[in-house]
């Protein structure tokens, strides 16, 4: 287990790579329309050639990884950290903790079968809590209704203080998935008026890459 003074994203990268290696290239993911090879291609381009995401670069790279050997090669590229000049390198955990955790779950839960729970270290859960605070406010801060996240310890994060209020309950790890649009796959409970709940769901939309 890593020391708590070290960043978490390298360890999460290893977990993500293991998840990708555990499934074939055409395995489904939680990202609608994406198989495991598309997710691997996204991760490579995100860190090493983000300009290619603007065109058809992702589909091209994913198409090249249809067979097992090419898919393994693509995963090997996922395992390689970006160059030091890349924002994804110097931003460290701030940019990568939630990304790597969510995409690992995209693979683990993509087949529709509930995977074995992950026993994550408490310090990593706290790092995910920090990411949750940031991304929840980015995604839901302008929601037309109030939104409060409540974790399994009863800790509350007021994302939007409008009325009426929708509360989303669950462990930090599941709240992260919910906020990133993996609503159906996340083990969360949403409480509030039906119309307000629908507005929150509309703002979140589907899974984000």
N, C-alpha and C. Protein backbone atom coordinates (compact mmCIF):
# COMPACT_ATOMS: atom_id res chain seq x y z
N UNK A 1 0.85 -1.19 0.00
CA UNK A 1 0.00 0.00 0.00
C UNK A 1 0.89 1.24 0.00
N UNK A 2 0.49 2.26 -0.75
CA UNK A 2 1.30 3.45 -0.86
C UNK A 2 1.24 4.27 0.43
N UNK A 3 2.27 5.09 0.63
CA UNK A 3 2.27 5.99 1.77
C UNK A 3 1.28 7.12 1.54
N UNK A 4 0.67 7.60 2.62
CA UNK A 4 -0.39 8.59 2.47
C UNK A 4 0.15 9.94 2.02
N UNK A 5 1.48 10.15 2.13
CA UNK A 5 2.04 11.43 1.73
C UNK A 5 2.25 11.50 0.22
N UNK A 6 2.08 10.43 -0.48
CA UNK A 6 2.28 10.39 -1.92
C UNK A 6 0.96 10.62 -2.64
N UNK A 7 1.02 11.10 -3.88
CA UNK A 7 -0.22 11.28 -4.64
C UNK A 7 -0.87 9.93 -4.95
N UNK A 8 -2.17 9.97 -5.14
CA UNK A 8 -2.92 8.75 -5.37
C UNK A 8 -3.07 8.38 -6.83
N UNK A 9 -2.94 9.33 -7.73
CA UNK A 9 -3.27 9.02 -9.12
C UNK A 9 -2.37 7.96 -9.76
N UNK A 10 -1.07 7.81 -9.39
CA UNK A 10 -0.30 6.70 -9.99
C UNK A 10 -0.87 5.34 -9.59
N UNK A 11 -1.28 5.20 -8.35
CA UNK A 11 -1.88 3.93 -7.91
C UNK A 11 -3.20 3.69 -8.62
N UNK A 12 -4.01 4.73 -8.76
CA UNK A 12 -5.28 4.58 -9.46
C UNK A 12 -5.08 4.27 -10.94
N UNK A 13 -4.01 4.79 -11.53
CA UNK A 13 -3.70 4.44 -12.92
C UNK A 13 -3.45 2.94 -13.02
N UNK A 14 -2.71 2.38 -12.08
CA UNK A 14 -2.45 0.95 -12.10
C UNK A 14 -3.75 0.15 -11.98
N UNK A 15 -4.64 0.61 -11.11
CA UNK A 15 -5.92 -0.07 -10.95
C UNK A 15 -6.75 0.00 -12.24
N UNK A 16 -6.72 1.15 -12.89
CA UNK A 16 -7.45 1.33 -14.15
C UNK A 16 -6.88 0.43 -15.23
N UNK A 17 -5.57 0.37 -15.32
CA UNK A 17 -4.93 -0.50 -16.30
C UNK A 17 -5.30 -1.96 -16.04
N UNK A 18 -5.30 -2.36 -14.78
CA UNK A 18 -5.70 -3.74 -14.44
C UNK A 18 -7.14 -4.01 -14.87
N UNK A 19 -8.02 -3.03 -14.67
CA UNK A 19 -9.42 -3.20 -15.07
C UNK A 19 -9.53 -3.38 -16.57
N UNK A 20 -8.81 -2.58 -17.33
CA UNK A 20 -8.84 -2.69 -18.79
C UNK A 20 -8.28 -4.02 -19.26
N UNK A 21 -7.23 -4.50 -18.61
CA UNK A 21 -6.62 -5.76 -19.00
C UNK A 21 -7.50 -6.96 -18.65
N UNK A 22 -8.45 -6.76 -17.76
CA UNK A 22 -9.30 -7.88 -17.32
C UNK A 22 -10.46 -8.14 -18.27
N UNK A 23 -10.63 -7.29 -19.28
CA UNK A 23 -11.77 -7.44 -20.21
C UNK A 23 -11.26 -7.40 -21.65
N UNK A 24 -12.03 -7.96 -22.59
CA UNK A 24 -11.65 -7.90 -24.01
C UNK A 24 -11.90 -6.51 -24.58
N UNK A 25 -11.35 -6.23 -25.76
CA UNK A 25 -11.48 -4.89 -26.35
C UNK A 25 -12.91 -4.46 -26.60
N UNK A 26 -13.81 -5.42 -26.83
CA UNK A 26 -15.20 -5.06 -27.13
C UNK A 26 -16.10 -5.12 -25.90
N UNK A 27 -15.52 -5.16 -24.71
CA UNK A 27 -16.32 -5.20 -23.49
C UNK A 27 -17.10 -3.89 -23.33
N UNK A 28 -18.35 -3.96 -22.89
CA UNK A 28 -19.13 -2.74 -22.69
C UNK A 28 -18.61 -1.93 -21.50
N UNK A 29 -18.86 -0.64 -21.53
CA UNK A 29 -18.53 0.23 -20.40
C UNK A 29 -19.77 1.04 -20.03
N UNK A 30 -19.67 1.81 -18.98
CA UNK A 30 -20.78 2.68 -18.58
C UNK A 30 -20.92 3.89 -19.49
N UNK A 31 -19.90 4.18 -20.30
CA UNK A 31 -19.97 5.29 -21.24
C UNK A 31 -20.74 4.83 -22.47
N UNK A 32 -21.90 5.40 -22.69
CA UNK A 32 -22.79 4.95 -23.76
C UNK A 32 -22.09 4.97 -25.12
N UNK A 33 -22.14 3.83 -25.82
CA UNK A 33 -21.53 3.73 -27.14
C UNK A 33 -20.06 3.39 -27.13
N UNK A 34 -19.46 3.35 -25.96
CA UNK A 34 -18.03 3.04 -25.86
C UNK A 34 -17.80 1.63 -25.35
N UNK A 35 -16.91 0.93 -26.05
CA UNK A 35 -16.38 -0.33 -25.54
C UNK A 35 -15.06 -0.02 -24.82
N UNK A 36 -14.47 -1.05 -24.24
CA UNK A 36 -13.23 -0.85 -23.48
C UNK A 36 -12.14 -0.22 -24.34
N UNK A 37 -12.09 -0.57 -25.62
CA UNK A 37 -11.06 -0.02 -26.50
C UNK A 37 -11.26 1.49 -26.72
N UNK A 38 -12.51 1.94 -26.76
CA UNK A 38 -12.77 3.38 -26.88
C UNK A 38 -12.30 4.12 -25.63
N UNK A 39 -12.55 3.53 -24.48
CA UNK A 39 -12.14 4.16 -23.24
C UNK A 39 -10.62 4.24 -23.15
N UNK A 40 -9.95 3.16 -23.54
CA UNK A 40 -8.49 3.18 -23.55
C UNK A 40 -7.96 4.23 -24.52
N UNK A 41 -8.58 4.34 -25.68
CA UNK A 41 -8.16 5.35 -26.66
C UNK A 41 -8.36 6.75 -26.10
N UNK A 42 -9.48 6.99 -25.44
CA UNK A 42 -9.74 8.29 -24.82
C UNK A 42 -8.65 8.65 -23.83
N UNK A 43 -8.26 7.69 -22.99
CA UNK A 43 -7.26 7.95 -21.97
C UNK A 43 -5.90 8.28 -22.58
N UNK A 44 -5.54 7.57 -23.63
CA UNK A 44 -4.26 7.84 -24.30
C UNK A 44 -4.26 9.24 -24.91
N UNK A 45 -5.31 9.57 -25.65
CA UNK A 45 -5.36 10.87 -26.31
C UNK A 45 -5.49 12.00 -25.30
N UNK A 46 -6.23 11.79 -24.26
CA UNK A 46 -6.40 12.81 -23.22
C UNK A 46 -5.05 13.29 -22.69
N UNK A 47 -4.13 12.36 -22.50
CA UNK A 47 -2.85 12.70 -21.88
C UNK A 47 -1.73 12.98 -22.88
N UNK A 48 -1.80 12.36 -24.05
CA UNK A 48 -0.65 12.43 -24.95
C UNK A 48 -0.91 13.19 -26.25
N UNK A 49 -2.17 13.30 -26.66
CA UNK A 49 -2.48 14.00 -27.91
C UNK A 49 -3.91 14.56 -27.85
N UNK A 50 -4.18 15.47 -26.91
CA UNK A 50 -5.55 15.94 -26.71
C UNK A 50 -6.16 16.61 -27.94
N UNK A 51 -5.33 17.17 -28.81
CA UNK A 51 -5.86 17.81 -30.02
C UNK A 51 -6.57 16.82 -30.93
N UNK A 52 -6.22 15.54 -30.83
CA UNK A 52 -6.85 14.52 -31.68
C UNK A 52 -8.27 14.19 -31.21
N UNK A 53 -8.63 14.61 -30.01
CA UNK A 53 -9.98 14.38 -29.52
C UNK A 53 -11.00 15.26 -30.23
N UNK A 54 -10.53 16.33 -30.87
CA UNK A 54 -11.44 17.27 -31.53
C UNK A 54 -11.96 16.73 -32.86
N UNK A 55 -11.22 15.82 -33.46
CA UNK A 55 -11.65 15.24 -34.73
C UNK A 55 -12.08 13.80 -34.54
N UNK A 56 -11.70 12.96 -35.47
CA UNK A 56 -12.07 11.54 -35.38
C UNK A 56 -10.96 10.69 -34.82
N UNK A 57 -10.03 11.32 -34.11
CA UNK A 57 -8.87 10.59 -33.61
C UNK A 57 -9.22 9.47 -32.66
N UNK A 58 -10.22 9.68 -31.83
CA UNK A 58 -10.57 8.65 -30.86
C UNK A 58 -11.09 7.40 -31.56
N UNK A 59 -12.03 7.57 -32.48
CA UNK A 59 -12.58 6.40 -33.19
C UNK A 59 -11.51 5.69 -34.00
N UNK A 60 -10.61 6.47 -34.60
CA UNK A 60 -9.53 5.86 -35.38
C UNK A 60 -8.65 4.99 -34.51
N UNK A 61 -8.24 5.53 -33.36
CA UNK A 61 -7.38 4.77 -32.46
C UNK A 61 -8.11 3.56 -31.89
N UNK A 62 -9.38 3.72 -31.56
CA UNK A 62 -10.16 2.59 -31.04
C UNK A 62 -10.33 1.50 -32.09
N UNK A 63 -10.54 1.90 -33.34
CA UNK A 63 -10.70 0.92 -34.42
C UNK A 63 -9.42 0.12 -34.63
N UNK A 64 -8.29 0.74 -34.38
CA UNK A 64 -7.00 0.05 -34.53
C UNK A 64 -6.77 -0.97 -33.42
N UNK A 65 -7.59 -0.93 -32.38
CA UNK A 65 -7.39 -1.81 -31.22
C UNK A 65 -8.50 -2.86 -31.11
N UNK A 66 -9.06 -3.27 -32.25
CA UNK A 66 -10.13 -4.27 -32.22
C UNK A 66 -9.62 -5.66 -31.84
N UNK A 67 -8.40 -6.00 -32.23
CA UNK A 67 -7.88 -7.33 -31.90
C UNK A 67 -7.13 -7.28 -30.57
N UNK A 68 -6.96 -8.44 -29.97
CA UNK A 68 -6.41 -8.50 -28.61
C UNK A 68 -5.01 -7.92 -28.52
N UNK A 69 -4.16 -8.21 -29.49
CA UNK A 69 -2.78 -7.75 -29.42
C UNK A 69 -2.70 -6.23 -29.47
N UNK A 70 -3.45 -5.63 -30.40
CA UNK A 70 -3.44 -4.17 -30.52
C UNK A 70 -4.06 -3.53 -29.28
N UNK A 71 -5.06 -4.17 -28.73
CA UNK A 71 -5.70 -3.67 -27.51
C UNK A 71 -4.71 -3.69 -26.34
N UNK A 72 -3.95 -4.75 -26.22
CA UNK A 72 -2.94 -4.81 -25.15
C UNK A 72 -1.90 -3.72 -25.34
N UNK A 73 -1.50 -3.47 -26.58
CA UNK A 73 -0.54 -2.39 -26.84
C UNK A 73 -1.12 -1.04 -26.44
N UNK A 74 -2.41 -0.84 -26.71
CA UNK A 74 -3.05 0.42 -26.35
C UNK A 74 -3.09 0.59 -24.83
N UNK A 75 -3.37 -0.50 -24.12
CA UNK A 75 -3.39 -0.43 -22.66
C UNK A 75 -2.00 -0.12 -22.12
N UNK A 76 -0.97 -0.66 -22.76
CA UNK A 76 0.39 -0.34 -22.35
C UNK A 76 0.63 1.17 -22.44
N UNK A 77 0.04 1.80 -23.42
CA UNK A 77 0.18 3.26 -23.57
C UNK A 77 -0.59 3.98 -22.46
N UNK A 78 -1.73 3.43 -22.06
CA UNK A 78 -2.47 4.01 -20.94
C UNK A 78 -1.62 3.98 -19.67
N UNK A 79 -0.82 2.94 -19.52
CA UNK A 79 -0.02 2.78 -18.30
C UNK A 79 1.12 3.79 -18.21
N UNK A 80 1.44 4.46 -19.32
CA UNK A 80 2.55 5.40 -19.34
C UNK A 80 2.08 6.80 -18.96
N UNK A 81 2.66 7.41 -17.92
CA UNK A 81 2.27 8.77 -17.54
C UNK A 81 2.59 9.76 -18.65
N UNK A 82 1.91 10.90 -18.66
CA UNK A 82 2.18 11.92 -19.68
C UNK A 82 3.52 12.60 -19.45
N UNK A 83 3.97 13.33 -20.44
CA UNK A 83 5.20 14.10 -20.31
C UNK A 83 5.06 15.15 -19.20
N UNK A 84 6.19 15.56 -18.64
CA UNK A 84 6.17 16.50 -17.51
C UNK A 84 5.50 17.82 -17.86
N UNK A 85 5.54 18.21 -19.16
CA UNK A 85 4.95 19.50 -19.55
C UNK A 85 3.43 19.44 -19.62
N UNK A 86 2.87 18.26 -19.62
CA UNK A 86 1.42 18.12 -19.77
C UNK A 86 0.69 18.59 -18.51
N UNK A 87 -0.42 19.31 -18.67
CA UNK A 87 -1.23 19.67 -17.50
C UNK A 87 -1.66 18.46 -16.70
N UNK A 88 -1.84 17.33 -17.37
CA UNK A 88 -2.27 16.11 -16.67
C UNK A 88 -1.16 15.58 -15.78
N UNK A 89 0.07 16.00 -16.03
CA UNK A 89 1.19 15.61 -15.19
C UNK A 89 1.31 16.53 -13.98
N UNK A 90 1.41 17.84 -14.24
CA UNK A 90 1.65 18.73 -13.11
C UNK A 90 0.41 18.97 -12.26
N UNK A 91 -0.79 18.71 -12.79
CA UNK A 91 -2.00 18.88 -11.97
C UNK A 91 -2.18 17.73 -10.99
N UNK A 92 -1.55 16.59 -11.26
CA UNK A 92 -1.55 15.48 -10.32
C UNK A 92 -2.93 14.98 -9.94
N UNK A 93 -3.13 14.81 -8.63
CA UNK A 93 -4.39 14.26 -8.14
C UNK A 93 -5.59 15.13 -8.52
N UNK A 94 -5.40 16.44 -8.55
CA UNK A 94 -6.53 17.34 -8.79
C UNK A 94 -7.24 17.02 -10.10
N UNK A 95 -6.48 16.61 -11.12
CA UNK A 95 -7.06 16.34 -12.43
C UNK A 95 -7.31 14.86 -12.67
N UNK A 96 -6.66 14.01 -11.90
CA UNK A 96 -6.63 12.60 -12.26
C UNK A 96 -7.31 11.63 -11.30
N UNK A 97 -7.45 11.99 -10.04
CA UNK A 97 -8.00 11.04 -9.07
C UNK A 97 -9.41 10.60 -9.46
N UNK A 98 -10.30 11.56 -9.68
CA UNK A 98 -11.67 11.20 -10.04
C UNK A 98 -11.72 10.55 -11.41
N UNK A 99 -10.95 11.07 -12.36
CA UNK A 99 -10.94 10.54 -13.73
C UNK A 99 -10.59 9.05 -13.73
N UNK A 100 -9.51 8.70 -13.07
CA UNK A 100 -9.05 7.32 -13.08
C UNK A 100 -10.00 6.41 -12.30
N UNK A 101 -10.50 6.90 -11.17
CA UNK A 101 -11.43 6.08 -10.39
C UNK A 101 -12.71 5.81 -11.18
N UNK A 102 -13.29 6.86 -11.75
CA UNK A 102 -14.55 6.71 -12.47
C UNK A 102 -14.39 5.80 -13.68
N UNK A 103 -13.32 5.97 -14.44
CA UNK A 103 -13.15 5.15 -15.64
C UNK A 103 -12.86 3.69 -15.28
N UNK A 104 -12.20 3.46 -14.16
CA UNK A 104 -12.01 2.07 -13.72
C UNK A 104 -13.37 1.43 -13.42
N UNK A 105 -14.25 2.19 -12.78
CA UNK A 105 -15.59 1.68 -12.51
C UNK A 105 -16.41 1.55 -13.79
N UNK A 106 -16.16 2.42 -14.77
CA UNK A 106 -16.83 2.28 -16.07
C UNK A 106 -16.59 0.89 -16.66
N UNK A 107 -15.37 0.40 -16.48
CA UNK A 107 -15.02 -0.92 -17.00
C UNK A 107 -15.58 -2.02 -16.09
N UNK A 108 -15.37 -1.87 -14.80
CA UNK A 108 -15.79 -2.90 -13.84
C UNK A 108 -17.29 -3.13 -13.86
N UNK A 109 -18.06 -2.07 -14.05
CA UNK A 109 -19.52 -2.17 -13.98
C UNK A 109 -20.19 -2.18 -15.34
N UNK A 110 -19.40 -2.12 -16.39
CA UNK A 110 -19.96 -1.97 -17.73
C UNK A 110 -20.77 -3.15 -18.21
N UNK A 111 -20.50 -4.33 -17.67
CA UNK A 111 -21.22 -5.51 -18.12
C UNK A 111 -22.57 -5.69 -17.47
N UNK A 112 -22.94 -4.79 -16.59
CA UNK A 112 -24.24 -4.88 -15.93
C UNK A 112 -24.26 -5.79 -14.72
N UNK A 113 -23.11 -6.39 -14.39
CA UNK A 113 -23.01 -7.26 -13.22
C UNK A 113 -22.31 -6.48 -12.11
N UNK A 114 -22.90 -6.48 -10.93
CA UNK A 114 -22.32 -5.75 -9.81
C UNK A 114 -20.99 -6.39 -9.43
N UNK A 115 -19.88 -5.64 -9.52
CA UNK A 115 -18.58 -6.22 -9.18
C UNK A 115 -18.38 -6.29 -7.67
N UNK A 116 -17.36 -7.00 -7.26
CA UNK A 116 -17.03 -7.04 -5.84
C UNK A 116 -16.66 -5.63 -5.37
N UNK A 117 -17.10 -5.26 -4.17
CA UNK A 117 -16.78 -3.92 -3.66
C UNK A 117 -15.27 -3.70 -3.57
N UNK A 118 -14.85 -2.47 -3.78
CA UNK A 118 -13.44 -2.13 -3.64
C UNK A 118 -13.20 -1.57 -2.25
N UNK A 119 -12.24 -2.14 -1.56
CA UNK A 119 -11.89 -1.67 -0.22
C UNK A 119 -10.79 -0.62 -0.37
N UNK A 120 -11.18 0.62 -0.52
CA UNK A 120 -10.22 1.69 -0.79
C UNK A 120 -9.67 2.26 0.52
N UNK A 121 -8.40 2.64 0.53
CA UNK A 121 -7.80 3.23 1.73
C UNK A 121 -8.52 4.53 2.12
N UNK A 122 -8.64 4.80 3.40
CA UNK A 122 -9.33 6.02 3.85
C UNK A 122 -8.75 7.30 3.26
N UNK A 123 -7.43 7.36 3.10
CA UNK A 123 -6.83 8.57 2.54
C UNK A 123 -7.24 8.78 1.09
N UNK A 124 -7.43 7.69 0.36
CA UNK A 124 -7.89 7.81 -1.02
C UNK A 124 -9.35 8.28 -1.05
N UNK A 125 -10.15 7.77 -0.14
CA UNK A 125 -11.54 8.22 -0.07
C UNK A 125 -11.59 9.72 0.20
N UNK A 126 -10.69 10.21 1.05
CA UNK A 126 -10.65 11.65 1.32
C UNK A 126 -10.21 12.43 0.08
N UNK A 127 -9.29 11.86 -0.69
CA UNK A 127 -8.89 12.52 -1.95
C UNK A 127 -10.07 12.57 -2.91
N UNK A 128 -10.85 11.50 -2.95
CA UNK A 128 -12.04 11.49 -3.80
C UNK A 128 -13.09 12.47 -3.28
N UNK A 129 -13.15 12.65 -1.97
CA UNK A 129 -14.07 13.63 -1.40
C UNK A 129 -13.71 15.04 -1.90
N UNK A 130 -12.41 15.34 -1.92
CA UNK A 130 -11.99 16.63 -2.42
C UNK A 130 -12.36 16.83 -3.88
N UNK A 131 -12.17 15.78 -4.68
CA UNK A 131 -12.55 15.86 -6.09
C UNK A 131 -14.06 16.00 -6.23
N UNK A 132 -14.80 15.30 -5.38
CA UNK A 132 -16.26 15.39 -5.41
C UNK A 132 -16.72 16.82 -5.15
N UNK A 133 -16.12 17.47 -4.17
CA UNK A 133 -16.48 18.85 -3.86
C UNK A 133 -16.29 19.76 -5.07
N UNK A 134 -15.15 19.60 -5.73
CA UNK A 134 -14.85 20.45 -6.89
C UNK A 134 -15.81 20.18 -8.04
N UNK A 135 -15.94 18.92 -8.42
CA UNK A 135 -16.71 18.59 -9.62
C UNK A 135 -18.22 18.72 -9.39
N UNK A 136 -18.68 18.49 -8.17
CA UNK A 136 -20.10 18.67 -7.90
C UNK A 136 -20.50 20.12 -8.08
N UNK A 137 -19.65 21.02 -7.63
CA UNK A 137 -19.96 22.45 -7.79
C UNK A 137 -19.85 22.89 -9.24
N UNK A 138 -18.93 22.29 -9.97
CA UNK A 138 -18.82 22.61 -11.40
C UNK A 138 -20.05 22.12 -12.16
N UNK A 139 -20.52 20.94 -11.83
CA UNK A 139 -21.60 20.33 -12.60
C UNK A 139 -22.99 20.72 -12.12
N UNK A 140 -23.12 20.98 -10.82
CA UNK A 140 -24.45 21.20 -10.25
C UNK A 140 -24.62 22.56 -9.58
N UNK A 141 -23.56 23.34 -9.55
CA UNK A 141 -23.61 24.62 -8.85
C UNK A 141 -24.66 25.57 -9.40
N UNK A 142 -24.98 25.46 -10.68
CA UNK A 142 -25.98 26.33 -11.30
C UNK A 142 -27.30 25.62 -11.54
N UNK A 143 -27.47 24.50 -10.88
CA UNK A 143 -28.73 23.76 -11.01
C UNK A 143 -29.88 24.65 -10.52
N UNK A 144 -31.02 24.63 -11.21
CA UNK A 144 -32.14 25.51 -10.82
C UNK A 144 -32.80 25.13 -9.50
N UNK A 145 -32.44 23.98 -8.93
CA UNK A 145 -32.95 23.58 -7.62
C UNK A 145 -31.77 23.35 -6.69
N UNK A 146 -32.05 23.24 -5.40
CA UNK A 146 -30.99 22.99 -4.44
C UNK A 146 -30.50 21.55 -4.51
N UNK A 147 -29.21 21.37 -4.26
CA UNK A 147 -28.62 20.03 -4.26
C UNK A 147 -27.70 19.90 -3.06
N UNK A 148 -27.90 18.87 -2.26
CA UNK A 148 -27.03 18.56 -1.14
C UNK A 148 -26.61 17.11 -1.23
N UNK A 149 -25.32 16.86 -1.12
CA UNK A 149 -24.79 15.50 -1.11
C UNK A 149 -24.58 15.08 0.34
N UNK A 150 -25.00 13.88 0.68
CA UNK A 150 -24.89 13.37 2.05
C UNK A 150 -24.19 12.02 2.00
N UNK A 151 -23.00 11.93 2.63
CA UNK A 151 -22.28 10.66 2.55
C UNK A 151 -22.76 9.71 3.64
N UNK A 152 -22.18 8.51 3.67
CA UNK A 152 -22.66 7.48 4.59
C UNK A 152 -22.25 7.73 6.03
N UNK A 153 -21.46 8.78 6.27
CA UNK A 153 -21.14 9.20 7.63
C UNK A 153 -22.02 10.38 8.07
N UNK A 154 -22.92 10.79 7.19
CA UNK A 154 -23.79 11.91 7.50
C UNK A 154 -23.19 13.27 7.19
N UNK A 155 -22.01 13.30 6.60
CA UNK A 155 -21.38 14.58 6.24
C UNK A 155 -22.09 15.15 5.02
N UNK A 156 -22.39 16.43 5.07
CA UNK A 156 -23.21 17.07 4.06
C UNK A 156 -22.38 18.08 3.26
N UNK A 157 -22.62 18.10 1.96
CA UNK A 157 -22.01 19.09 1.07
C UNK A 157 -23.14 19.80 0.34
N UNK A 158 -23.33 21.08 0.66
CA UNK A 158 -24.34 21.87 -0.02
C UNK A 158 -23.75 22.37 -1.33
N UNK A 159 -24.25 21.85 -2.43
CA UNK A 159 -23.73 22.21 -3.75
C UNK A 159 -24.47 23.42 -4.29
N UNK A 160 -25.76 23.46 -4.06
CA UNK A 160 -26.61 24.58 -4.49
C UNK A 160 -27.63 24.83 -3.38
N UNK A 161 -27.76 26.08 -2.94
CA UNK A 161 -28.63 26.38 -1.80
C UNK A 161 -30.01 26.90 -2.20
N UNK A 162 -30.44 26.55 -3.40
CA UNK A 162 -31.77 26.97 -3.85
C UNK A 162 -32.85 26.06 -3.26
N UNK A 163 -34.09 26.42 -3.55
CA UNK A 163 -35.24 25.62 -3.12
C UNK A 163 -36.04 25.19 -4.35
N UNK A 164 -36.68 24.04 -4.31
CA UNK A 164 -36.62 22.99 -3.28
C UNK A 164 -35.29 22.25 -3.33
N UNK A 165 -35.01 21.48 -2.31
CA UNK A 165 -33.72 20.80 -2.19
C UNK A 165 -33.85 19.33 -2.56
N UNK A 166 -32.89 18.87 -3.34
CA UNK A 166 -32.74 17.44 -3.64
C UNK A 166 -31.51 16.95 -2.88
N UNK A 167 -31.66 15.87 -2.14
CA UNK A 167 -30.54 15.26 -1.44
C UNK A 167 -30.14 13.97 -2.14
N UNK A 168 -28.84 13.79 -2.31
CA UNK A 168 -28.30 12.56 -2.90
C UNK A 168 -27.45 11.89 -1.83
N UNK A 169 -27.84 10.68 -1.42
CA UNK A 169 -27.19 9.97 -0.33
C UNK A 169 -26.38 8.79 -0.86
N UNK A 170 -25.21 8.55 -0.24
CA UNK A 170 -24.41 7.39 -0.59
C UNK A 170 -22.98 7.55 -0.11
N UNK A 171 -22.18 6.50 -0.21
CA UNK A 171 -20.76 6.61 0.10
C UNK A 171 -20.08 7.60 -0.85
N UNK A 172 -18.98 8.16 -0.42
CA UNK A 172 -18.26 9.14 -1.24
C UNK A 172 -17.96 8.59 -2.63
N UNK A 173 -17.52 7.34 -2.69
CA UNK A 173 -17.16 6.74 -3.97
C UNK A 173 -18.35 6.67 -4.92
N UNK A 174 -19.52 6.39 -4.36
CA UNK A 174 -20.72 6.30 -5.19
C UNK A 174 -21.25 7.68 -5.56
N UNK A 175 -21.09 8.64 -4.67
CA UNK A 175 -21.48 10.01 -4.98
C UNK A 175 -20.64 10.56 -6.13
N UNK A 176 -19.36 10.20 -6.16
CA UNK A 176 -18.50 10.61 -7.28
C UNK A 176 -19.07 10.08 -8.59
N UNK A 177 -19.42 8.80 -8.62
CA UNK A 177 -19.99 8.22 -9.83
C UNK A 177 -21.29 8.92 -10.22
N UNK A 178 -22.12 9.22 -9.25
CA UNK A 178 -23.40 9.88 -9.53
C UNK A 178 -23.16 11.25 -10.16
N UNK A 179 -22.28 12.03 -9.55
CA UNK A 179 -22.01 13.38 -10.05
C UNK A 179 -21.40 13.35 -11.45
N UNK A 180 -20.66 12.30 -11.76
CA UNK A 180 -20.08 12.16 -13.09
C UNK A 180 -21.06 11.52 -14.08
N UNK A 181 -22.31 11.43 -13.71
CA UNK A 181 -23.34 10.99 -14.65
C UNK A 181 -23.60 9.50 -14.68
N UNK A 182 -22.94 8.73 -13.81
CA UNK A 182 -23.18 7.28 -13.77
C UNK A 182 -24.32 6.99 -12.79
N UNK A 183 -25.42 7.65 -13.00
CA UNK A 183 -26.51 7.66 -12.03
C UNK A 183 -27.10 6.27 -11.84
N UNK A 184 -27.34 5.55 -12.92
CA UNK A 184 -27.96 4.23 -12.82
C UNK A 184 -27.04 3.21 -12.17
N UNK A 185 -25.74 3.36 -12.37
CA UNK A 185 -24.78 2.40 -11.83
C UNK A 185 -24.39 2.71 -10.39
N UNK A 186 -24.56 3.95 -9.97
CA UNK A 186 -24.13 4.37 -8.64
C UNK A 186 -25.08 3.85 -7.56
N UNK A 187 -24.52 3.43 -6.45
CA UNK A 187 -25.31 2.97 -5.31
C UNK A 187 -25.67 4.18 -4.44
N UNK A 188 -26.61 4.97 -4.93
CA UNK A 188 -27.03 6.19 -4.25
C UNK A 188 -28.55 6.22 -4.12
N UNK A 189 -29.01 7.08 -3.24
CA UNK A 189 -30.45 7.29 -3.06
C UNK A 189 -30.73 8.77 -3.23
N UNK A 190 -31.68 9.10 -4.10
CA UNK A 190 -32.04 10.49 -4.36
C UNK A 190 -33.36 10.79 -3.68
N UNK A 191 -33.38 11.86 -2.89
CA UNK A 191 -34.58 12.23 -2.15
C UNK A 191 -34.99 13.66 -2.51
N UNK A 192 -36.26 13.85 -2.76
CA UNK A 192 -36.75 15.18 -3.07
C UNK A 192 -38.02 15.12 -3.88
N UNK A 193 -38.57 16.29 -4.17
CA UNK A 193 -39.76 16.36 -5.01
C UNK A 193 -39.46 15.80 -6.39
N UNK A 194 -40.43 15.13 -6.95
CA UNK A 194 -40.22 14.45 -8.23
C UNK A 194 -39.76 15.41 -9.32
N UNK A 195 -40.36 16.60 -9.39
CA UNK A 195 -39.97 17.54 -10.44
C UNK A 195 -38.56 18.07 -10.21
N UNK A 196 -38.18 18.26 -8.94
CA UNK A 196 -36.84 18.73 -8.63
C UNK A 196 -35.79 17.66 -8.94
N UNK A 197 -36.11 16.42 -8.60
CA UNK A 197 -35.21 15.31 -8.91
C UNK A 197 -34.99 15.22 -10.42
N UNK A 198 -36.06 15.40 -11.18
CA UNK A 198 -35.95 15.35 -12.65
C UNK A 198 -35.05 16.47 -13.17
N UNK A 199 -35.09 17.65 -12.55
CA UNK A 199 -34.24 18.75 -12.99
C UNK A 199 -32.76 18.45 -12.73
N UNK A 200 -32.47 17.85 -11.58
CA UNK A 200 -31.09 17.47 -11.28
C UNK A 200 -30.60 16.43 -12.29
N UNK A 201 -31.44 15.44 -12.58
CA UNK A 201 -31.07 14.41 -13.55
C UNK A 201 -30.80 15.01 -14.92
N UNK A 202 -31.60 16.01 -15.30
CA UNK A 202 -31.41 16.65 -16.60
C UNK A 202 -30.09 17.39 -16.65
N UNK A 203 -29.73 18.06 -15.56
CA UNK A 203 -28.46 18.79 -15.53
C UNK A 203 -27.28 17.83 -15.61
N UNK A 204 -27.37 16.72 -14.90
CA UNK A 204 -26.26 15.75 -14.91
C UNK A 204 -26.13 15.06 -16.26
N UNK A 205 -27.25 14.76 -16.91
CA UNK A 205 -27.18 14.06 -18.18
C UNK A 205 -26.62 12.66 -18.00
N UNK A 206 -25.96 12.17 -19.06
CA UNK A 206 -25.39 10.83 -19.04
C UNK A 206 -23.93 10.86 -18.63
N UNK A 207 -23.28 9.70 -18.68
CA UNK A 207 -21.87 9.60 -18.29
C UNK A 207 -20.97 10.52 -19.09
N UNK A 208 -20.12 11.24 -18.38
CA UNK A 208 -19.12 12.09 -19.00
C UNK A 208 -17.86 11.28 -19.28
N UNK A 209 -17.15 11.60 -20.37
CA UNK A 209 -15.85 10.99 -20.61
C UNK A 209 -14.80 11.68 -19.77
